[in-house]
């Protein structure tokens, strides 16, 4: 969950500079998991983990 927490805390300036990364979706997913655990669609989570996280890692690697 750390990535969701950290993405929420990134400055708006930085987010605007790197709009290719879906910061709000990352933070939103974290909030959804923490606050609506019982209503979580685990198929969506699996899709995010296996399809979206590798893309995110690639995007963030370019920023480092």
PDB file of N, CA and C in Angstrom:
ATOM      1  N   UNK A   1       0.804  -1.197   0.000  1.00  0.00           N
ATOM      2  CA  UNK A   1       0.000   0.000   0.000  1.00  0.00           C
ATOM      3  C   UNK A   1       0.850   1.266   0.000  1.00  0.00           C
ATOM      4  N   UNK A   2       2.113   1.102   0.234  1.00  0.00           N
ATOM      5  CA  UNK A   2       2.979   2.284   0.337  1.00  0.00           C
ATOM      6  C   UNK A   2       2.944   3.128  -0.929  1.00  0.00           C
ATOM      7  N   UNK A   3       2.879   2.485  -2.101  1.00  0.00           N
ATOM      8  CA  UNK A   3       2.905   3.273  -3.330  1.00  0.00           C
ATOM      9  C   UNK A   3       1.679   4.186  -3.401  1.00  0.00           C
ATOM     10  N   UNK A   4       0.543   3.699  -2.939  1.00  0.00           N
ATOM     11  CA  UNK A   4      -0.657   4.530  -2.913  1.00  0.00           C
ATOM     12  C   UNK A   4      -0.520   5.692  -1.960  1.00  0.00           C
ATOM     13  N   UNK A   5       0.028   5.434  -0.793  1.00  0.00           N
ATOM     14  CA  UNK A   5       0.245   6.501   0.195  1.00  0.00           C
ATOM     15  C   UNK A   5       1.209   7.540  -0.350  1.00  0.00           C
ATOM     16  N   UNK A   6       2.279   7.086  -0.937  1.00  0.00           N
ATOM     17  CA  UNK A   6       3.293   8.012  -1.451  1.00  0.00           C
ATOM     18  C   UNK A   6       2.781   8.806  -2.650  1.00  0.00           C
ATOM     19  N   UNK A   7       2.025   8.171  -3.520  1.00  0.00           N
ATOM     20  CA  UNK A   7       1.519   8.899  -4.688  1.00  0.00           C
ATOM     21  C   UNK A   7       0.551   9.999  -4.265  1.00  0.00           C
ATOM     22  N   UNK A   8      -0.158   9.781  -3.177  1.00  0.00           N
ATOM     23  CA  UNK A   8      -1.082  10.788  -2.657  1.00  0.00           C
ATOM     24  C   UNK A   8      -0.318  12.001  -2.140  1.00  0.00           C
ATOM     25  N   UNK A   9       0.892  11.806  -1.655  1.00  0.00           N
ATOM     26  CA  UNK A   9       1.670  12.875  -1.038  1.00  0.00           C
ATOM     27  C   UNK A   9       2.579  13.625  -2.007  1.00  0.00           C
ATOM     28  N   UNK A  10       2.671  13.172  -3.229  1.00  0.00           N
ATOM     29  CA  UNK A  10       3.516  13.851  -4.223  1.00  0.00           C
ATOM     30  C   UNK A  10       2.915  15.215  -4.544  1.00  0.00           C
ATOM     31  N   UNK A  11       3.754  16.194  -4.706  1.00  0.00           N
ATOM     32  CA  UNK A  11       3.269  17.556  -4.957  1.00  0.00           C
ATOM     33  C   UNK A  11       2.502  17.644  -6.277  1.00  0.00           C
ATOM     34  N   UNK A  12       1.561  18.557  -6.303  1.00  0.00           N
ATOM     35  CA  UNK A  12       0.769  18.782  -7.513  1.00  0.00           C
ATOM     36  C   UNK A  12       1.657  19.229  -8.676  1.00  0.00           C
ATOM     37  N   UNK A  13       2.686  19.989  -8.375  1.00  0.00           N
ATOM     38  CA  UNK A  13       3.620  20.441  -9.411  1.00  0.00           C
ATOM     39  C   UNK A  13       4.290  19.249 -10.091  1.00  0.00           C
ATOM     40  N   UNK A  14       4.767  18.317  -9.288  1.00  0.00           N
ATOM     41  CA  UNK A  14       5.438  17.129  -9.834  1.00  0.00           C
ATOM     42  C   UNK A  14       4.455  16.291 -10.642  1.00  0.00           C
ATOM     43  N   UNK A  15       3.248  16.141 -10.130  1.00  0.00           N
ATOM     44  CA  UNK A  15       2.231  15.368 -10.843  1.00  0.00           C
ATOM     45  C   UNK A  15       1.907  16.000 -12.193  1.00  0.00           C
ATOM     46  N   UNK A  16       1.846  17.333 -12.220  1.00  0.00           N
ATOM     47  CA  UNK A  16       1.565  18.023 -13.478  1.00  0.00           C
ATOM     48  C   UNK A  16       2.708  17.845 -14.470  1.00  0.00           C
ATOM     49  N   UNK A  17       3.928  17.800 -13.952  1.00  0.00           N
ATOM     50  CA  UNK A  17       5.094  17.611 -14.803  1.00  0.00           C
ATOM     51  C   UNK A  17       5.136  16.198 -15.394  1.00  0.00           C
ATOM     52  N   UNK A  18       4.566  15.241 -14.676  1.00  0.00           N
ATOM     53  CA  UNK A  18       4.605  13.831 -15.090  1.00  0.00           C
ATOM     54  C   UNK A  18       3.190  13.265 -15.172  1.00  0.00           C
ATOM     55  N   UNK A  19       2.413  13.839 -16.065  1.00  0.00           N
ATOM     56  CA  UNK A  19       1.022  13.436 -16.212  1.00  0.00           C
ATOM     57  C   UNK A  19       0.850  12.073 -16.877  1.00  0.00           C
ATOM     58  N   UNK A  20       1.905  11.514 -17.404  1.00  0.00           N
ATOM     59  CA  UNK A  20       1.811  10.186 -18.017  1.00  0.00           C
ATOM     60  C   UNK A  20       1.526   9.103 -16.975  1.00  0.00           C
ATOM     61  N   UNK A  21       1.773   9.431 -15.724  1.00  0.00           N
ATOM     62  CA  UNK A  21       1.502   8.500 -14.628  1.00  0.00           C
ATOM     63  C   UNK A  21       0.159   8.881 -14.010  1.00  0.00           C
ATOM     64  N   UNK A  22      -0.684   7.900 -13.800  1.00  0.00           N
ATOM     65  CA  UNK A  22      -2.039   8.140 -13.299  1.00  0.00           C
ATOM     66  C   UNK A  22      -2.034   8.179 -11.767  1.00  0.00           C
ATOM     67  N   UNK A  23      -1.526   9.280 -11.245  1.00  0.00           N
ATOM     68  CA  UNK A  23      -1.341   9.446  -9.802  1.00  0.00           C
ATOM     69  C   UNK A  23      -2.648   9.282  -9.033  1.00  0.00           C
ATOM     70  N   UNK A  24      -3.710   9.899  -9.522  1.00  0.00           N
ATOM     71  CA  UNK A  24      -4.984   9.849  -8.804  1.00  0.00           C
ATOM     72  C   UNK A  24      -5.548   8.436  -8.747  1.00  0.00           C
ATOM     73  N   UNK A  25      -5.373   7.672  -9.815  1.00  0.00           N
ATOM     74  CA  UNK A  25      -5.851   6.292  -9.803  1.00  0.00           C
ATOM     75  C   UNK A  25      -5.074   5.438  -8.805  1.00  0.00           C
ATOM     76  N   UNK A  26      -3.789   5.694  -8.701  1.00  0.00           N
ATOM     77  CA  UNK A  26      -2.955   4.946  -7.749  1.00  0.00           C
ATOM     78  C   UNK A  26      -3.413   5.232  -6.323  1.00  0.00           C
ATOM     79  N   UNK A  27      -3.560   6.506  -5.999  1.00  0.00           N
ATOM     80  CA  UNK A  27      -4.003   6.879  -4.658  1.00  0.00           C
ATOM     81  C   UNK A  27      -5.429   6.403  -4.409  1.00  0.00           C
ATOM     82  N   UNK A  28      -6.280   6.506  -5.420  1.00  0.00           N
ATOM     83  CA  UNK A  28      -7.670   6.082  -5.277  1.00  0.00           C
ATOM     84  C   UNK A  28      -7.802   4.600  -5.005  1.00  0.00           C
ATOM     85  N   UNK A  29      -6.977   3.808  -5.674  1.00  0.00           N
ATOM     86  CA  UNK A  29      -6.999   2.364  -5.439  1.00  0.00           C
ATOM     87  C   UNK A  29      -6.604   2.059  -4.007  1.00  0.00           C
ATOM     88  N   UNK A  30      -5.619   2.733  -3.520  1.00  0.00           N
ATOM     89  CA  UNK A  30      -5.177   2.543  -2.134  1.00  0.00           C
ATOM     90  C   UNK A  30      -6.307   2.873  -1.165  1.00  0.00           C
ATOM     91  N   UNK A  31      -6.960   4.014  -1.385  1.00  0.00           N
ATOM     92  CA  UNK A  31      -8.049   4.414  -0.503  1.00  0.00           C
ATOM     93  C   UNK A  31      -9.202   3.402  -0.561  1.00  0.00           C
ATOM     94  N   UNK A  32      -9.486   2.926  -1.748  1.00  0.00           N
ATOM     95  CA  UNK A  32     -10.567   1.950  -1.913  1.00  0.00           C
ATOM     96  C   UNK A  32     -10.262   0.663  -1.159  1.00  0.00           C
ATOM     97  N   UNK A  33      -9.037   0.183  -1.276  1.00  0.00           N
ATOM     98  CA  UNK A  33      -8.663  -1.049  -0.593  1.00  0.00           C
ATOM     99  C   UNK A  33      -8.704  -0.897   0.922  1.00  0.00           C
ATOM    100  N   UNK A  34      -8.257   0.242   1.405  1.00  0.00           N
ATOM    101  CA  UNK A  34      -8.195   0.458   2.847  1.00  0.00           C
ATOM    102  C   UNK A  34      -9.586   0.695   3.443  1.00  0.00           C
ATOM    103  N   UNK A  35     -10.426   1.435   2.738  1.00  0.00           N
ATOM    104  CA  UNK A  35     -11.692   1.851   3.315  1.00  0.00           C
ATOM    105  C   UNK A  35     -12.902   1.040   2.862  1.00  0.00           C
ATOM    106  N   UNK A  36     -12.751   0.228   1.820  1.00  0.00           N
ATOM    107  CA  UNK A  36     -13.880  -0.567   1.326  1.00  0.00           C
ATOM    108  C   UNK A  36     -13.412  -1.969   0.971  1.00  0.00           C
ATOM    109  N   UNK A  37     -12.664  -2.539   1.881  1.00  0.00           N
ATOM    110  CA  UNK A  37     -12.056  -3.854   1.642  1.00  0.00           C
ATOM    111  C   UNK A  37     -13.092  -4.896   1.239  1.00  0.00           C
ATOM    112  N   UNK A  38     -14.222  -4.925   1.905  1.00  0.00           N
ATOM    113  CA  UNK A  38     -15.251  -5.922   1.608  1.00  0.00           C
ATOM    114  C   UNK A  38     -15.869  -5.740   0.226  1.00  0.00           C
ATOM    115  N   UNK A  39     -15.843  -4.515  -0.286  1.00  0.00           N
ATOM    116  CA  UNK A  39     -16.424  -4.249  -1.597  1.00  0.00           C
ATOM    117  C   UNK A  39     -15.417  -4.330  -2.732  1.00  0.00           C
ATOM    118  N   UNK A  40     -14.239  -4.861  -2.461  1.00  0.00           N
ATOM    119  CA  UNK A  40     -13.168  -4.902  -3.452  1.00  0.00           C
ATOM    120  C   UNK A  40     -13.433  -5.976  -4.498  1.00  0.00           C
ATOM    121  N   UNK A  41     -13.295  -5.612  -5.745  1.00  0.00           N
ATOM    122  CA  UNK A  41     -13.387  -6.566  -6.847  1.00  0.00           C
ATOM    123  C   UNK A  41     -11.978  -7.081  -7.102  1.00  0.00           C
ATOM    124  N   UNK A  42     -11.710  -8.291  -6.670  1.00  0.00           N
ATOM    125  CA  UNK A  42     -10.356  -8.838  -6.737  1.00  0.00           C
ATOM    126  C   UNK A  42      -9.899  -9.116  -8.158  1.00  0.00           C
ATOM    127  N   UNK A  43     -10.819  -9.218  -9.097  1.00  0.00           N
ATOM    128  CA  UNK A  43     -10.424  -9.352 -10.507  1.00  0.00           C
ATOM    129  C   UNK A  43      -9.762  -8.062 -10.995  1.00  0.00           C
ATOM    130  N   UNK A  44     -10.292  -6.948 -10.544  1.00  0.00           N
ATOM    131  CA  UNK A  44      -9.693  -5.658 -10.907  1.00  0.00           C
ATOM    132  C   UNK A  44      -8.322  -5.511 -10.266  1.00  0.00           C
ATOM    133  N   UNK A  45      -8.195  -5.954  -9.026  1.00  0.00           N
ATOM    134  CA  UNK A  45      -6.905  -5.884  -8.341  1.00  0.00           C
ATOM    135  C   UNK A  45      -5.883  -6.759  -9.060  1.00  0.00           C
ATOM    136  N   UNK A  46      -6.275  -7.963  -9.431  1.00  0.00           N
ATOM    137  CA  UNK A  46      -5.362  -8.860 -10.150  1.00  0.00           C
ATOM    138  C   UNK A  46      -4.931  -8.241 -11.472  1.00  0.00           C
ATOM    139  N   UNK A  47      -5.860  -7.622 -12.179  1.00  0.00           N
ATOM    140  CA  UNK A  47      -5.520  -6.959 -13.437  1.00  0.00           C
ATOM    141  C   UNK A  47      -4.527  -5.827 -13.201  1.00  0.00           C
ATOM    142  N   UNK A  48      -4.764  -5.052 -12.155  1.00  0.00           N
ATOM    143  CA  UNK A  48      -3.851  -3.949 -11.838  1.00  0.00           C
ATOM    144  C   UNK A  48      -2.462  -4.475 -11.517  1.00  0.00           C
ATOM    145  N   UNK A  49      -2.400  -5.527 -10.718  1.00  0.00           N
ATOM    146  CA  UNK A  49      -1.106  -6.062 -10.295  1.00  0.00           C
ATOM    147  C   UNK A  49      -0.327  -6.646 -11.473  1.00  0.00           C
ATOM    148  N   UNK A  50      -0.999  -7.407 -12.299  1.00  0.00           N
ATOM    149  CA  UNK A  50      -0.287  -8.125 -13.360  1.00  0.00           C
ATOM    150  C   UNK A  50      -0.136  -7.343 -14.653  1.00  0.00           C
ATOM    151  N   UNK A  51      -0.994  -6.349 -14.881  1.00  0.00           N
ATOM    152  CA  UNK A  51      -0.912  -5.593 -16.128  1.00  0.00           C
ATOM    153  C   UNK A  51      -0.452  -4.153 -15.936  1.00  0.00           C
ATOM    154  N   UNK A  52      -0.954  -3.510 -14.913  1.00  0.00           N
ATOM    155  CA  UNK A  52      -0.669  -2.089 -14.742  1.00  0.00           C
ATOM    156  C   UNK A  52       0.596  -1.807 -13.939  1.00  0.00           C
ATOM    157  N   UNK A  53       0.874  -2.596 -12.932  1.00  0.00           N
ATOM    158  CA  UNK A  53       2.061  -2.358 -12.107  1.00  0.00           C
ATOM    159  C   UNK A  53       3.356  -2.464 -12.924  1.00  0.00           C
ATOM    160  N   UNK A  54       3.501  -3.467 -13.795  1.00  0.00           N
ATOM    161  CA  UNK A  54       4.725  -3.489 -14.609  1.00  0.00           C
ATOM    162  C   UNK A  54       4.887  -2.227 -15.477  1.00  0.00           C
ATOM    163  N   UNK A  55       3.783  -1.717 -16.007  1.00  0.00           N
ATOM    164  CA  UNK A  55       3.840  -0.469 -16.786  1.00  0.00           C
ATOM    165  C   UNK A  55       4.254   0.691 -15.892  1.00  0.00           C
ATOM    166  N   UNK A  56       3.693   0.725 -14.687  1.00  0.00           N
ATOM    167  CA  UNK A  56       4.020   1.786 -13.740  1.00  0.00           C
ATOM    168  C   UNK A  56       5.496   1.740 -13.358  1.00  0.00           C
ATOM    169  N   UNK A  57       6.005   0.557 -13.129  1.00  0.00           N
ATOM    170  CA  UNK A  57       7.431   0.416 -12.788  1.00  0.00           C
ATOM    171  C   UNK A  57       8.296   0.959 -13.915  1.00  0.00           C
ATOM    172  N   UNK A  58       7.919   0.664 -15.138  1.00  0.00           N
ATOM    173  CA  UNK A  58       8.676   1.170 -16.293  1.00  0.00           C
ATOM    174  C   UNK A  58       8.626   2.693 -16.342  1.00  0.00           C
ATOM    175  N   UNK A  59       7.446   3.265 -16.121  1.00  0.00           N
ATOM    176  CA  UNK A  59       7.300   4.716 -16.153  1.00  0.00           C
ATOM    177  C   UNK A  59       8.125   5.385 -15.051  1.00  0.00           C
ATOM    178  N   UNK A  60       8.046   4.834 -13.866  1.00  0.00           N
ATOM    179  CA  UNK A  60       8.777   5.427 -12.738  1.00  0.00           C
ATOM    180  C   UNK A  60      10.281   5.253 -12.902  1.00  0.00           C
ATOM    181  N   UNK A  61      10.695   4.131 -13.474  1.00  0.00           N
ATOM    182  CA  UNK A  61      12.133   3.898 -13.706  1.00  0.00           C
ATOM    183  C   UNK A  61      12.731   4.989 -14.590  1.00  0.00           C
ATOM    184  N   UNK A  62      11.945   5.488 -15.526  1.00  0.00           N
ATOM    185  CA  UNK A  62      12.420   6.564 -16.412  1.00  0.00           C
ATOM    186  C   UNK A  62      12.608   7.869 -15.660  1.00  0.00           C
ATOM    187  N   UNK A  63      11.915   8.021 -14.546  1.00  0.00           N
ATOM    188  CA  UNK A  63      12.013   9.262 -13.771  1.00  0.00           C
ATOM    189  C   UNK A  63      13.185   9.273 -12.808  1.00  0.00           C
ATOM    190  N   UNK A  64      13.698   8.094 -12.530  1.00  0.00           N
ATOM    191  CA  UNK A  64      14.781   7.992 -11.542  1.00  0.00           C
ATOM    192  C   UNK A  64      16.107   8.291 -12.184  1.00  0.00           C
TER     193      UNK A  64
END
